[in-house]
């Protein structure tokens, strides 16, 4: 009996049977095992087909066009006009994630359409739904097949299960916090491992929140910076970019907190090197040597403006065809010694820099004329902001890029306006500098001169107030409303920091019922929508 028991024990351990001659042999494959293996492989095939289907959606169907960098703008336009935009967006995002379609562009679109707060909420909900769906799809279709292919008794599989058991939650949470780790790969890869769903769901819920918020903030900051063209908006953009970089260094922070995963040190080194390398691509513009000791004669700029400025529009085609006088004037601006500028009177300095801004803006436009619609992520930003195809915003870094040498240094439009002209403290300049847009206070057909500058700036204010597209006062009952160009809203800090300051500024130039309305504390202030269409004579 003892021998029989031992034999049974051996058979139980070795899974062998005795044939008719008493020889041990391997048992035949059971029919149910073969069917199970076939079924598992069919499921794995279905998973592969599903993932390939997501790829084909991107490549071969009209839906894919809306998920591309170029086409997402059309989707944004459509969503903005749809009252069911939130559930539609969440459904599209979640479905795309479940099909392994990259969702970063959708996260940015959520910020562009809904703003930071609601965009973060909708992105967060959609990403979690899609991530959990992808996990469950991978678990149900691929998990068993992978184990059967590897072998259920595999030592490699046992070690992998042990690692997942020890580090599963912390490891996934750490990887979720790193923006550069592929989101979809973690979704499906986690489903193929022995990670418990509740651990996966909680790690995903916590881990994707910082990245979702920062990406949404980044998109919202891009849109605000593009619409407002202000220093505050650009600061938001830099903060968003800095947060994205900081988030990439979270593994190092977590390591200090004793949250570790095998291979994490390598990941930290890789990410750190990548961030440092990206910093090496910055370009620093050099300054030209200056030679002239006196300010240039701005009458040369009048010779540029008079033939091409017609009312509130500019004949850019004519200027681009014959830009010799503009180039000659720009050369004089470039050669001017900065010491000559800083040593001049306040009116001389202000006239110099206003003319410099306007001349450099003309240069910017004709160098890209006719302006064409931008593509890629730059085009996405423009579509999100609702900019026309011929807007100067289609030009890369149109206001922030150094492109025009003035007083010995290559400068950007923003530097001239925000760092030089605005600190001089005269708010009338906002009606004198021209950003080449239809809604921008118009360019005039002559240069600004120091000896007539005060009269010219006052005339700009009165002309602005006489144009109903920029300034309008209406009365309904006993309540008046002042509607003003959006420029006054963007740069409100130069007009006292509030709507009352804007009203007080214009009251100095008004009379009659307009003055009464502007001085009335009950009068509301509203701002026109801003039209970035190029102020080209052929644009309308």
Protein backbone atom coordinates (compact mmCIF):
# COMPACT_ATOMS: atom_id res chain seq x y z
CA UNK A 1 0.00 0.00 0.00
CA UNK A 2 2.91 2.28 0.80
CA UNK A 3 4.36 1.63 -2.65
CA UNK A 4 1.06 2.40 -4.30
CA UNK A 5 0.77 5.64 -2.36
CA UNK A 6 4.29 6.65 -3.34
CA UNK A 7 3.56 5.90 -6.96
CA UNK A 8 0.40 7.94 -6.79
CA UNK A 9 2.38 10.74 -5.22
CA UNK A 10 4.92 10.61 -8.02
CA UNK A 11 2.19 10.54 -10.62
CA UNK A 12 0.55 13.49 -8.94
CA UNK A 13 3.81 15.43 -8.94
CA UNK A 14 5.17 14.50 -12.35
CA UNK A 15 1.79 14.31 -14.09
CA UNK A 16 2.89 11.00 -15.70
CA UNK A 17 0.87 7.78 -16.24
CA UNK A 18 1.97 4.16 -16.66
CA UNK A 19 1.37 2.41 -19.93
CA UNK A 20 0.48 -1.29 -20.30
CA UNK A 21 4.13 -2.28 -19.88
CA UNK A 22 4.50 -0.26 -16.71
CA UNK A 23 6.63 2.46 -18.39
CA UNK A 24 6.06 6.08 -17.45
CA UNK A 25 4.91 8.42 -20.22
CA UNK A 26 3.52 11.96 -20.55
CA UNK A 27 -0.27 12.19 -20.63
CA UNK A 28 -1.96 13.12 -23.87
CA UNK A 29 -3.13 16.70 -24.18
CA UNK A 30 -6.61 16.97 -22.88
CA UNK A 31 -9.21 18.18 -25.42
CA UNK A 32 -10.43 20.90 -23.06
CA UNK A 33 -6.84 22.25 -22.69
CA UNK A 34 -6.44 22.46 -26.45
CA UNK A 35 -9.77 24.24 -26.79
CA UNK A 36 -8.81 26.64 -23.99
CA UNK A 37 -5.50 27.43 -25.67
CA UNK A 38 -7.21 28.05 -29.01
CA UNK A 39 -9.83 30.27 -27.41
CA UNK A 40 -7.15 32.28 -25.60
CA UNK A 41 -5.22 32.80 -28.81
CA UNK A 42 -8.39 33.92 -30.58
CA UNK A 43 -8.96 36.46 -27.82
CA UNK A 44 -5.40 37.69 -28.16
CA UNK A 45 -5.96 38.05 -31.89
CA UNK A 46 -9.09 40.07 -31.18
CA UNK A 47 -7.04 42.37 -28.94
CA UNK A 48 -4.48 42.89 -31.70
CA UNK A 49 -7.27 43.60 -34.20
CA UNK A 50 -8.81 46.10 -31.78
CA UNK A 51 -5.54 48.00 -31.38
CA UNK A 52 -4.92 47.91 -35.13
CA UNK A 53 -8.46 49.21 -35.58
CA UNK A 54 -7.55 52.27 -33.56
CA UNK A 55 -4.55 52.81 -35.81
CA UNK A 56 -6.70 52.42 -38.92
CA UNK A 57 -9.17 54.97 -37.58
CA UNK A 58 -6.33 57.46 -37.44
CA UNK A 59 -5.09 56.62 -40.92
CA UNK A 60 -8.02 55.60 -43.08
CA UNK A 61 -11.27 57.16 -41.86
CA UNK A 62 -12.64 60.72 -41.73
CA UNK A 63 -12.72 60.46 -37.92
CA UNK A 64 -8.94 60.30 -37.88
CA UNK A 65 -8.68 63.70 -39.49
CA UNK A 66 -10.29 65.25 -36.42
CA UNK A 67 -7.73 63.58 -34.14
CA UNK A 68 -4.70 64.82 -36.05
CA UNK A 69 -2.71 67.91 -35.10
CA UNK A 70 -3.99 69.66 -38.22
CA UNK A 71 -7.63 68.58 -38.01
CA UNK A 72 -8.29 68.93 -34.30
CA UNK A 73 -9.03 72.61 -34.88
CA UNK A 74 -12.12 71.68 -36.90
CA UNK A 75 -13.26 69.49 -34.03
CA UNK A 76 -12.72 72.33 -31.58
CA UNK A 77 -14.80 74.68 -33.73
CA UNK A 78 -17.58 72.12 -33.92
CA UNK A 79 -17.57 71.37 -30.20
CA UNK A 80 -17.71 75.04 -29.26
CA UNK A 81 -20.98 75.44 -31.09
CA UNK A 82 -22.61 72.31 -29.66
CA UNK A 83 -24.67 72.46 -26.44
CA UNK A 84 -23.80 68.80 -25.75
CA UNK A 85 -20.08 69.46 -26.04
CA UNK A 86 -19.04 68.06 -22.59
CA UNK A 87 -20.59 64.55 -22.89
CA UNK A 88 -19.61 64.32 -26.57
CA UNK A 89 -16.02 65.24 -25.74
CA UNK A 90 -15.82 62.79 -22.82
CA UNK A 91 -17.26 60.03 -25.00
CA UNK A 92 -14.81 60.66 -27.86
CA UNK A 93 -11.83 60.90 -25.51
CA UNK A 94 -12.74 57.74 -23.55
CA UNK A 95 -13.40 55.75 -26.73
CA UNK A 96 -10.12 56.90 -28.29
CA UNK A 97 -8.21 55.85 -25.16
CA UNK A 98 -9.92 52.44 -25.08
CA UNK A 99 -8.80 51.93 -28.70
CA UNK A 100 -5.19 52.91 -27.88
CA UNK A 101 -5.45 56.15 -29.87
CA UNK A 102 -3.03 58.75 -28.41
CA UNK A 103 -4.94 61.20 -26.23
CA UNK A 104 -2.46 64.04 -25.65
CA UNK A 105 -3.93 66.10 -28.47
CA UNK A 106 -7.40 65.57 -26.96
CA UNK A 107 -6.19 66.70 -23.55
CA UNK A 108 -4.89 69.92 -25.09
CA UNK A 109 -8.15 70.30 -27.02
CA UNK A 110 -10.10 69.98 -23.75
CA UNK A 111 -8.14 72.89 -22.30
CA UNK A 112 -8.65 74.95 -25.46
CA UNK A 113 -12.42 74.34 -25.60
CA UNK A 114 -13.44 74.36 -21.94
CA UNK A 115 -10.72 76.36 -20.20
CA UNK A 116 -8.60 75.20 -17.29
CA UNK A 117 -11.14 74.22 -14.62
CA UNK A 118 -13.81 72.48 -16.70
CA UNK A 119 -11.21 71.21 -19.17
CA UNK A 120 -9.28 69.51 -16.37
CA UNK A 121 -12.47 67.90 -15.04
CA UNK A 122 -13.62 66.58 -18.43
CA UNK A 123 -10.12 65.41 -19.39
CA UNK A 124 -9.73 63.65 -16.04
CA UNK A 125 -13.09 61.87 -16.27
CA UNK A 126 -12.56 60.81 -19.89
CA UNK A 127 -8.99 59.61 -19.36
CA UNK A 128 -10.00 57.49 -16.35
CA UNK A 129 -12.94 55.91 -18.17
CA UNK A 130 -10.81 55.13 -21.20
CA UNK A 131 -7.85 53.85 -19.17
CA UNK A 132 -9.99 51.45 -17.17
CA UNK A 133 -11.77 50.27 -20.30
CA UNK A 134 -8.40 49.59 -21.96
CA UNK A 135 -7.21 47.68 -18.87
CA UNK A 136 -10.34 45.49 -18.80
CA UNK A 137 -10.15 44.87 -22.55
CA UNK A 138 -6.51 43.80 -22.27
CA UNK A 139 -7.26 41.65 -19.22
CA UNK A 140 -10.24 39.87 -20.80
CA UNK A 141 -8.78 39.41 -24.29
CA UNK A 142 -5.06 39.10 -23.71
CA UNK A 143 -4.22 38.20 -20.13
CA UNK A 144 -4.96 34.46 -20.33
CA UNK A 145 -3.40 34.11 -23.79
CA UNK A 146 -0.12 35.68 -22.69
CA UNK A 147 0.11 33.31 -19.74
CA UNK A 148 -0.63 30.30 -21.90
CA UNK A 149 2.01 31.36 -24.43
CA UNK A 150 4.63 31.91 -21.74
CA UNK A 151 3.60 28.84 -19.80
CA UNK A 152 1.74 28.88 -16.54
CA UNK A 153 4.64 27.22 -14.74
CA UNK A 154 7.22 29.63 -16.19
CA UNK A 155 9.81 30.90 -13.70
CA UNK A 156 9.91 34.22 -15.60
CA UNK A 157 6.17 34.61 -15.15
CA UNK A 158 6.45 33.77 -11.47
CA UNK A 159 9.14 36.40 -10.97
CA UNK A 160 7.09 38.97 -12.89
CA UNK A 161 4.04 38.21 -10.75
CA UNK A 162 6.15 38.59 -7.60
CA UNK A 163 7.46 42.00 -8.77
CA UNK A 164 3.94 43.17 -9.64
CA UNK A 165 2.68 41.96 -6.26
CA UNK A 166 5.42 43.90 -4.41
CA UNK A 167 5.61 47.04 -6.55
CA UNK A 168 2.39 47.05 -8.58
CA UNK A 169 0.56 49.98 -7.02
CA UNK A 170 3.60 52.14 -6.24
CA UNK A 171 5.27 51.30 -9.54
CA UNK A 172 2.21 52.18 -11.64
CA UNK A 173 1.58 55.33 -9.61
CA UNK A 174 5.20 56.43 -10.18
CA UNK A 175 5.00 55.80 -13.92
CA UNK A 176 1.62 57.56 -14.17
CA UNK A 177 3.18 60.69 -12.72
CA UNK A 178 5.78 60.91 -15.51
CA UNK A 179 4.40 62.77 -18.57
CA UNK A 180 6.83 61.07 -20.98
CA UNK A 181 5.73 57.50 -20.15
CA UNK A 182 3.22 56.37 -22.85
CA UNK A 183 -0.26 56.47 -21.38
CA UNK A 184 -1.80 53.81 -23.62
CA UNK A 185 1.11 51.40 -23.18
CA UNK A 186 0.55 51.46 -19.41
CA UNK A 187 -3.19 50.91 -19.86
CA UNK A 188 -2.88 47.77 -21.96
CA UNK A 189 0.37 46.53 -20.43
CA UNK A 190 -1.12 46.63 -16.94
CA UNK A 191 -4.07 44.55 -18.15
CA UNK A 192 -1.72 41.81 -19.36
CA UNK A 193 -0.02 41.53 -15.97
CA UNK A 194 -1.36 40.14 -12.71
CA UNK A 195 -1.99 43.61 -11.31
CA UNK A 196 -5.24 43.83 -9.40
CA UNK A 197 -7.83 46.05 -11.03
CA UNK A 198 -8.55 48.05 -7.87
CA UNK A 199 -4.83 48.85 -7.50
CA UNK A 200 -4.69 49.86 -11.15
CA UNK A 201 -7.81 52.03 -10.89
CA UNK A 202 -6.65 53.89 -7.78
CA UNK A 203 -3.07 54.39 -9.07
CA UNK A 204 -4.48 55.72 -12.34
CA UNK A 205 -6.98 57.97 -10.57
CA UNK A 206 -4.27 59.57 -8.44
CA UNK A 207 -1.38 59.41 -10.89
CA UNK A 208 -2.92 61.08 -13.93
CA UNK A 209 -4.45 64.04 -12.09
CA UNK A 210 -1.29 66.23 -11.93
CA UNK A 211 -0.39 65.60 -15.57
CA UNK A 212 -3.96 66.16 -16.75
CA UNK A 213 -4.19 69.45 -14.86
CA UNK A 214 -0.82 70.68 -16.13
CA UNK A 215 -1.46 69.71 -19.77
CA UNK A 216 -4.87 71.41 -19.60
CA UNK A 217 -3.35 74.49 -17.98
CA UNK A 218 -0.68 74.47 -20.70
CA UNK A 219 -3.34 74.45 -23.45
CA UNK A 220 -5.37 77.15 -21.71
CA UNK A 221 -2.23 79.25 -21.19
CA UNK A 222 -1.33 78.89 -24.87
CA UNK A 223 -4.78 80.08 -25.85
CA UNK A 224 -4.81 82.99 -23.41
CA UNK A 225 -1.28 84.02 -24.40
CA UNK A 226 -2.28 83.89 -28.06
CA UNK A 227 -5.45 85.91 -27.55
CA UNK A 228 -4.15 88.56 -25.18
CA UNK A 229 -0.54 88.93 -26.33
CA UNK A 230 0.23 90.26 -22.85
CA UNK A 231 3.15 89.71 -20.51
CA UNK A 232 0.89 88.14 -17.87
CA UNK A 233 -0.40 85.60 -20.37
CA UNK A 234 3.13 84.71 -21.41
CA UNK A 235 4.10 84.27 -17.76
CA UNK A 236 1.27 81.73 -17.45
CA UNK A 237 2.64 79.92 -20.47
CA UNK A 238 6.15 79.75 -18.99
CA UNK A 239 4.74 78.53 -15.67
CA UNK A 240 2.83 75.77 -17.46
CA UNK A 241 5.96 74.67 -19.31
CA UNK A 242 7.96 74.71 -16.08
CA UNK A 243 5.37 72.54 -14.35
CA UNK A 244 5.57 69.99 -17.16
CA UNK A 245 9.34 69.81 -16.74
CA UNK A 246 9.03 69.59 -12.95
CA UNK A 247 6.57 66.73 -13.27
CA UNK A 248 9.15 64.79 -15.24
CA UNK A 249 11.49 64.95 -12.24
CA UNK A 250 8.94 63.41 -9.89
CA UNK A 251 10.67 60.00 -9.93
CA UNK A 252 13.70 61.58 -8.27
CA UNK A 253 11.44 63.15 -5.67
CA UNK A 254 9.62 59.87 -5.08
CA UNK A 255 12.94 58.09 -4.74
CA UNK A 256 13.81 60.43 -1.88
CA UNK A 257 10.53 59.35 -0.30
CA UNK A 258 11.58 55.67 -0.64
CA UNK A 259 9.06 54.99 -3.41
CA UNK A 260 11.16 52.84 -5.75
CA UNK A 261 10.72 50.64 -8.78
CA UNK A 262 13.39 48.52 -10.51
CA UNK A 263 15.04 50.59 -13.24
CA UNK A 264 13.84 53.93 -11.81
CA UNK A 265 17.38 55.32 -11.54
CA UNK A 266 17.90 54.75 -15.26
CA UNK A 267 14.60 56.51 -16.01
CA UNK A 268 15.57 59.53 -13.91
CA UNK A 269 18.94 59.84 -15.67
CA UNK A 270 17.26 59.57 -19.07
CA UNK A 271 14.65 62.21 -18.30
CA UNK A 272 17.17 64.58 -16.75
CA UNK A 273 19.47 64.27 -19.78
CA UNK A 274 16.56 64.88 -22.15
CA UNK A 275 15.49 68.03 -20.33
CA UNK A 276 19.05 69.41 -20.20
CA UNK A 277 19.55 68.59 -23.89
CA UNK A 278 16.42 70.48 -24.87
CA UNK A 279 17.82 73.55 -23.15
CA UNK A 280 20.79 73.49 -25.52
CA UNK A 281 18.71 74.36 -28.54
CA UNK A 282 18.06 77.98 -27.49
CA UNK A 283 19.38 80.64 -29.79
CA UNK A 284 20.72 83.96 -28.58
CA UNK A 285 20.64 86.83 -30.99
CA UNK A 286 23.74 88.99 -31.22
CA UNK A 287 23.76 92.74 -31.31
CA UNK A 288 24.93 94.72 -34.26
CA UNK A 289 27.50 97.41 -33.92
CA UNK A 290 25.92 100.84 -33.88
CA UNK A 291 27.48 103.75 -35.61
CA UNK A 292 25.15 106.74 -35.84
CA UNK A 293 25.14 109.21 -32.95
CA UNK A 294 21.90 111.00 -33.84
CA UNK A 295 18.29 109.92 -34.15
CA UNK A 296 17.16 109.20 -37.71
CA UNK A 297 14.98 111.50 -39.78
CA UNK A 298 11.52 109.97 -39.47
CA UNK A 299 10.29 111.74 -42.59
CA UNK A 300 11.79 108.78 -44.43
CA UNK A 301 9.15 106.61 -42.76
CA UNK A 302 6.43 108.98 -43.96
CA UNK A 303 7.69 108.28 -47.49
CA UNK A 304 7.09 104.59 -46.77
CA UNK A 305 3.62 105.02 -45.30
CA UNK A 306 2.00 107.61 -47.56
CA UNK A 307 1.75 105.42 -50.71
CA UNK A 308 0.49 102.26 -48.98
CA UNK A 309 -1.78 103.37 -46.09
CA UNK A 310 -5.34 103.85 -47.34
CA UNK A 311 -7.79 104.77 -44.58
CA UNK A 312 -7.45 102.05 -41.93
CA UNK A 313 -5.90 99.55 -44.33
CA UNK A 314 -2.48 98.84 -45.82
CA UNK A 315 -1.59 97.83 -49.36
CA UNK A 316 0.87 95.09 -48.37
CA UNK A 317 1.19 93.76 -51.92
CA UNK A 318 2.42 97.14 -53.11
CA UNK A 319 4.82 97.48 -50.18
CA UNK A 320 6.18 93.95 -50.67
CA UNK A 321 6.77 94.63 -54.36
CA UNK A 322 8.77 97.80 -53.59
CA UNK A 323 10.26 97.74 -50.08
CA UNK A 324 13.47 99.70 -50.77
CA UNK A 325 12.39 102.76 -48.76
CA UNK A 326 11.26 100.61 -45.83
CA UNK A 327 14.57 98.75 -45.84
CA UNK A 328 16.51 102.01 -45.95
CA UNK A 329 14.56 103.37 -42.96
CA UNK A 330 15.05 100.12 -41.03
CA UNK A 331 18.80 100.32 -41.71
CA UNK A 332 18.85 103.79 -40.13
CA UNK A 333 16.96 102.48 -37.09
CA UNK A 334 19.43 99.61 -36.77
CA UNK A 335 22.47 101.89 -36.96
CA UNK A 336 21.19 104.35 -34.36
CA UNK A 337 23.31 104.42 -31.21
CA UNK A 338 21.28 103.46 -28.14
CA UNK A 339 23.07 106.23 -26.24
CA UNK A 340 21.58 108.73 -28.67
CA UNK A 341 18.11 107.35 -27.95
CA UNK A 342 18.40 107.31 -24.15
CA UNK A 343 19.92 110.79 -24.18
CA UNK A 344 17.05 112.27 -26.20
CA UNK A 345 13.95 114.01 -24.84
CA UNK A 346 10.86 112.04 -23.79
CA UNK A 347 8.97 112.96 -26.98
CA UNK A 348 11.95 112.10 -29.16
CA UNK A 349 12.30 108.68 -27.53
CA UNK A 350 8.60 107.95 -27.75
CA UNK A 351 8.38 108.94 -31.41
CA UNK A 352 11.47 106.83 -32.18
CA UNK A 353 10.07 103.68 -30.58
CA UNK A 354 6.51 104.04 -31.92
CA UNK A 355 7.88 104.40 -35.44
CA UNK A 356 10.24 101.49 -34.81
CA UNK A 357 7.38 99.24 -33.72
CA UNK A 358 5.25 100.11 -36.74
CA UNK A 359 8.13 99.80 -39.22
CA UNK A 360 9.18 96.42 -37.79
CA UNK A 361 5.56 95.21 -37.96
CA UNK A 362 5.40 96.11 -41.64
CA UNK A 363 8.66 94.21 -42.16
CA UNK A 364 7.22 91.20 -40.34
CA UNK A 365 4.17 91.09 -42.58
CA UNK A 366 5.79 91.59 -45.99
CA UNK A 367 8.43 88.96 -45.24
CA UNK A 368 5.58 86.41 -45.05
CA UNK A 369 3.17 88.01 -47.52
CA UNK A 370 0.78 86.64 -48.58
CA UNK A 371 0.29 85.07 -45.16
CA UNK A 372 -0.64 81.39 -45.29
CA UNK A 373 -2.46 79.30 -42.74
CA UNK A 374 -0.04 77.59 -40.35
CA UNK A 375 -0.06 73.84 -39.79
CA UNK A 376 0.87 71.51 -36.96
CA UNK A 377 0.57 72.53 -33.33
CA UNK A 378 1.00 76.18 -34.27
CA UNK A 379 -2.04 75.83 -36.52
CA UNK A 380 -3.97 74.13 -33.71
CA UNK A 381 -3.37 77.12 -31.42
CA UNK A 382 -4.66 79.45 -34.12
CA UNK A 383 -7.78 77.37 -34.71
CA UNK A 384 -8.44 77.16 -30.98
CA UNK A 385 -8.20 80.95 -30.75
CA UNK A 386 -10.43 81.43 -33.81
CA UNK A 387 -7.83 83.32 -35.83
CA UNK A 388 -8.34 83.90 -39.56
CA UNK A 389 -6.13 82.17 -42.11
CA UNK A 390 -4.38 85.45 -42.98
CA UNK A 391 -3.86 86.66 -39.42
CA UNK A 392 -0.34 87.65 -38.42
CA UNK A 393 -0.64 84.96 -35.76
CA UNK A 394 -0.04 82.43 -38.55
CA UNK A 395 3.57 83.71 -38.50
CA UNK A 396 5.65 81.72 -36.02
CA UNK A 397 6.52 83.78 -32.90
CA UNK A 398 5.15 86.86 -34.62
CA UNK A 399 5.28 89.08 -31.53
CA UNK A 400 7.79 87.26 -29.35
CA UNK A 401 10.51 86.42 -31.87
CA UNK A 402 13.54 88.71 -32.27
CA UNK A 403 13.50 89.74 -35.91
CA UNK A 404 14.15 93.47 -36.24
CA UNK A 405 17.38 95.31 -35.38
CA UNK A 406 16.72 98.63 -33.65
CA UNK A 407 19.37 100.72 -31.90
CA UNK A 408 22.02 98.02 -32.32
CA UNK A 409 20.03 95.05 -30.99
CA UNK A 410 17.71 92.51 -32.57
CA UNK A 411 14.33 92.96 -30.93
CA UNK A 412 10.83 91.51 -30.92
CA UNK A 413 7.55 93.40 -31.20
CA UNK A 414 6.76 92.55 -27.58
CA UNK A 415 10.09 93.88 -26.34
CA UNK A 416 9.58 97.22 -28.09
CA UNK A 417 6.00 97.59 -26.88
CA UNK A 418 5.97 96.06 -23.40
CA UNK A 419 9.53 96.68 -22.21
CA UNK A 420 10.26 100.05 -23.79
CA UNK A 421 7.17 101.99 -24.88
CA UNK A 422 4.62 101.10 -22.19
CA UNK A 423 6.95 101.89 -19.24
CA UNK A 424 7.10 105.48 -20.55
CA UNK A 425 3.64 105.83 -19.02
CA UNK A 426 1.53 107.30 -21.84
CA UNK A 427 -1.59 105.15 -22.48
CA UNK A 428 -2.25 106.92 -25.79
CA UNK A 429 0.45 104.77 -27.36
CA UNK A 430 -2.06 101.87 -27.55
CA UNK A 431 -3.87 103.87 -30.22
CA UNK A 432 -0.66 104.57 -32.13
CA UNK A 433 1.18 101.23 -32.41
CA UNK A 434 -0.33 98.94 -35.02
CA UNK A 435 -0.29 95.13 -34.89
CA UNK A 436 -1.51 94.61 -38.48
CA UNK A 437 -5.00 93.45 -37.49
CA UNK A 438 -8.39 94.75 -38.60
CA UNK A 439 -9.43 95.54 -35.02
CA UNK A 440 -6.13 97.18 -34.13
CA UNK A 441 -6.27 100.99 -33.89
CA UNK A 442 -5.27 101.96 -37.44
CA UNK A 443 -1.88 102.85 -38.81
CA UNK A 444 -1.68 106.43 -40.06
CA UNK A 445 -0.07 107.57 -43.31
CA UNK A 446 2.76 109.53 -41.69
CA UNK A 447 5.48 109.03 -39.12
CA UNK A 448 5.31 110.31 -35.56
CA UNK A 449 7.59 113.31 -35.00
CA UNK A 450 8.86 114.61 -31.67
CA UNK A 451 7.86 118.21 -32.42
CA UNK A 452 4.22 117.26 -33.15
CA UNK A 453 3.92 114.10 -31.06
CA UNK A 454 1.46 115.40 -28.43
CA UNK A 455 -0.92 116.70 -31.06
CA UNK A 456 -0.64 113.49 -33.07
CA UNK A 457 -1.41 111.30 -30.05
CA UNK A 458 -4.40 113.44 -29.04
CA UNK A 459 -5.65 113.26 -32.62
CA UNK A 460 -5.34 109.47 -32.47
CA UNK A 461 -7.63 109.36 -29.42
CA UNK A 462 -10.27 111.59 -31.02
CA UNK A 463 -10.15 109.65 -34.28
CA UNK A 464 -10.50 106.42 -32.30
CA UNK A 465 -13.57 107.75 -30.48
CA UNK A 466 -15.13 108.82 -33.76
CA UNK A 467 -14.93 105.29 -35.19
CA UNK A 468 -17.91 103.14 -34.17
CA UNK A 469 -15.85 99.98 -34.70
CA UNK A 470 -13.58 101.02 -31.82
CA UNK A 471 -15.69 103.22 -29.54
CA UNK A 472 -19.45 103.60 -29.06
CA UNK A 473 -21.76 105.01 -26.40
CA UNK A 474 -25.38 103.87 -26.30
CA UNK A 475 -28.22 104.66 -23.89
CA UNK A 476 -31.21 102.47 -23.03
CA UNK A 477 -33.56 104.16 -20.64
CA UNK A 478 -31.38 105.88 -18.04
CA UNK A 479 -28.54 103.34 -18.33
CA UNK A 480 -25.62 104.05 -20.66
CA UNK A 481 -23.13 101.53 -22.02
CA UNK A 482 -19.69 102.30 -23.39
CA UNK A 483 -18.34 99.74 -25.83
CA UNK A 484 -14.60 99.92 -26.48
CA UNK A 485 -11.91 98.11 -28.44
CA UNK A 486 -10.65 94.95 -26.71
CA UNK A 487 -7.15 96.49 -26.59
CA UNK A 488 -8.32 98.64 -23.68
CA UNK A 489 -9.31 95.50 -21.79
CA UNK A 490 -6.00 93.71 -22.43
CA UNK A 491 -3.96 96.70 -21.28
CA UNK A 492 -6.34 97.99 -18.64
CA UNK A 493 -3.50 98.38 -16.16
CA UNK A 494 -2.22 101.30 -18.28
CA UNK A 495 -5.59 103.03 -17.85
CA UNK A 496 -5.84 102.88 -14.08
CA UNK A 497 -6.34 99.13 -13.80
CA UNK A 498 -10.13 99.04 -14.08
CA UNK A 499 -13.11 100.07 -16.21
CA UNK A 500 -13.48 103.33 -14.34
CA UNK A 501 -9.96 104.25 -15.41
CA UNK A 502 -10.86 103.52 -19.05
CA UNK A 503 -13.94 105.75 -18.78
CA UNK A 504 -11.94 108.55 -17.11
CA UNK A 505 -9.31 108.43 -19.86
CA UNK A 506 -11.83 108.95 -22.65
CA UNK A 507 -13.85 111.51 -20.66
CA UNK A 508 -10.94 113.94 -21.04
CA UNK A 509 -11.46 113.89 -24.80
CA UNK A 510 -15.28 113.76 -24.85
CA UNK A 511 -18.04 116.33 -24.62
CA UNK A 512 -21.83 116.41 -24.48
CA UNK A 513 -23.72 113.21 -23.77
CA UNK A 514 -20.59 111.10 -24.28
CA UNK A 515 -18.80 112.92 -21.51
CA UNK A 516 -21.82 112.64 -19.22
CA UNK A 517 -22.02 108.90 -19.84
CA UNK A 518 -18.30 108.42 -19.25
CA UNK A 519 -18.41 110.31 -15.95
CA UNK A 520 -21.49 108.44 -14.73
CA UNK A 521 -20.41 105.66 -12.31
CA UNK A 522 -23.48 103.65 -13.37
CA UNK A 523 -22.33 103.45 -16.99
CA UNK A 524 -21.29 99.94 -17.98
CA UNK A 525 -18.16 99.19 -20.00
CA UNK A 526 -18.14 96.42 -22.59
CA UNK A 527 -15.50 95.40 -25.11
CA UNK A 528 -15.87 94.56 -28.78
CA UNK A 529 -14.77 91.16 -30.04
CA UNK A 530 -11.32 91.41 -31.60
CA UNK A 531 -10.89 90.63 -35.30
CA UNK A 532 -7.36 89.44 -36.12
CA UNK A 533 -7.94 89.54 -39.89
CA UNK A 534 -4.95 91.16 -41.58
CA UNK A 535 -5.57 94.87 -42.20
CA UNK A 536 -4.79 94.30 -45.87
CA UNK A 537 -6.49 96.48 -48.46
CA UNK A 538 -7.53 93.31 -50.29
CA UNK A 539 -8.68 91.40 -47.18
CA UNK A 540 -12.28 92.68 -47.20
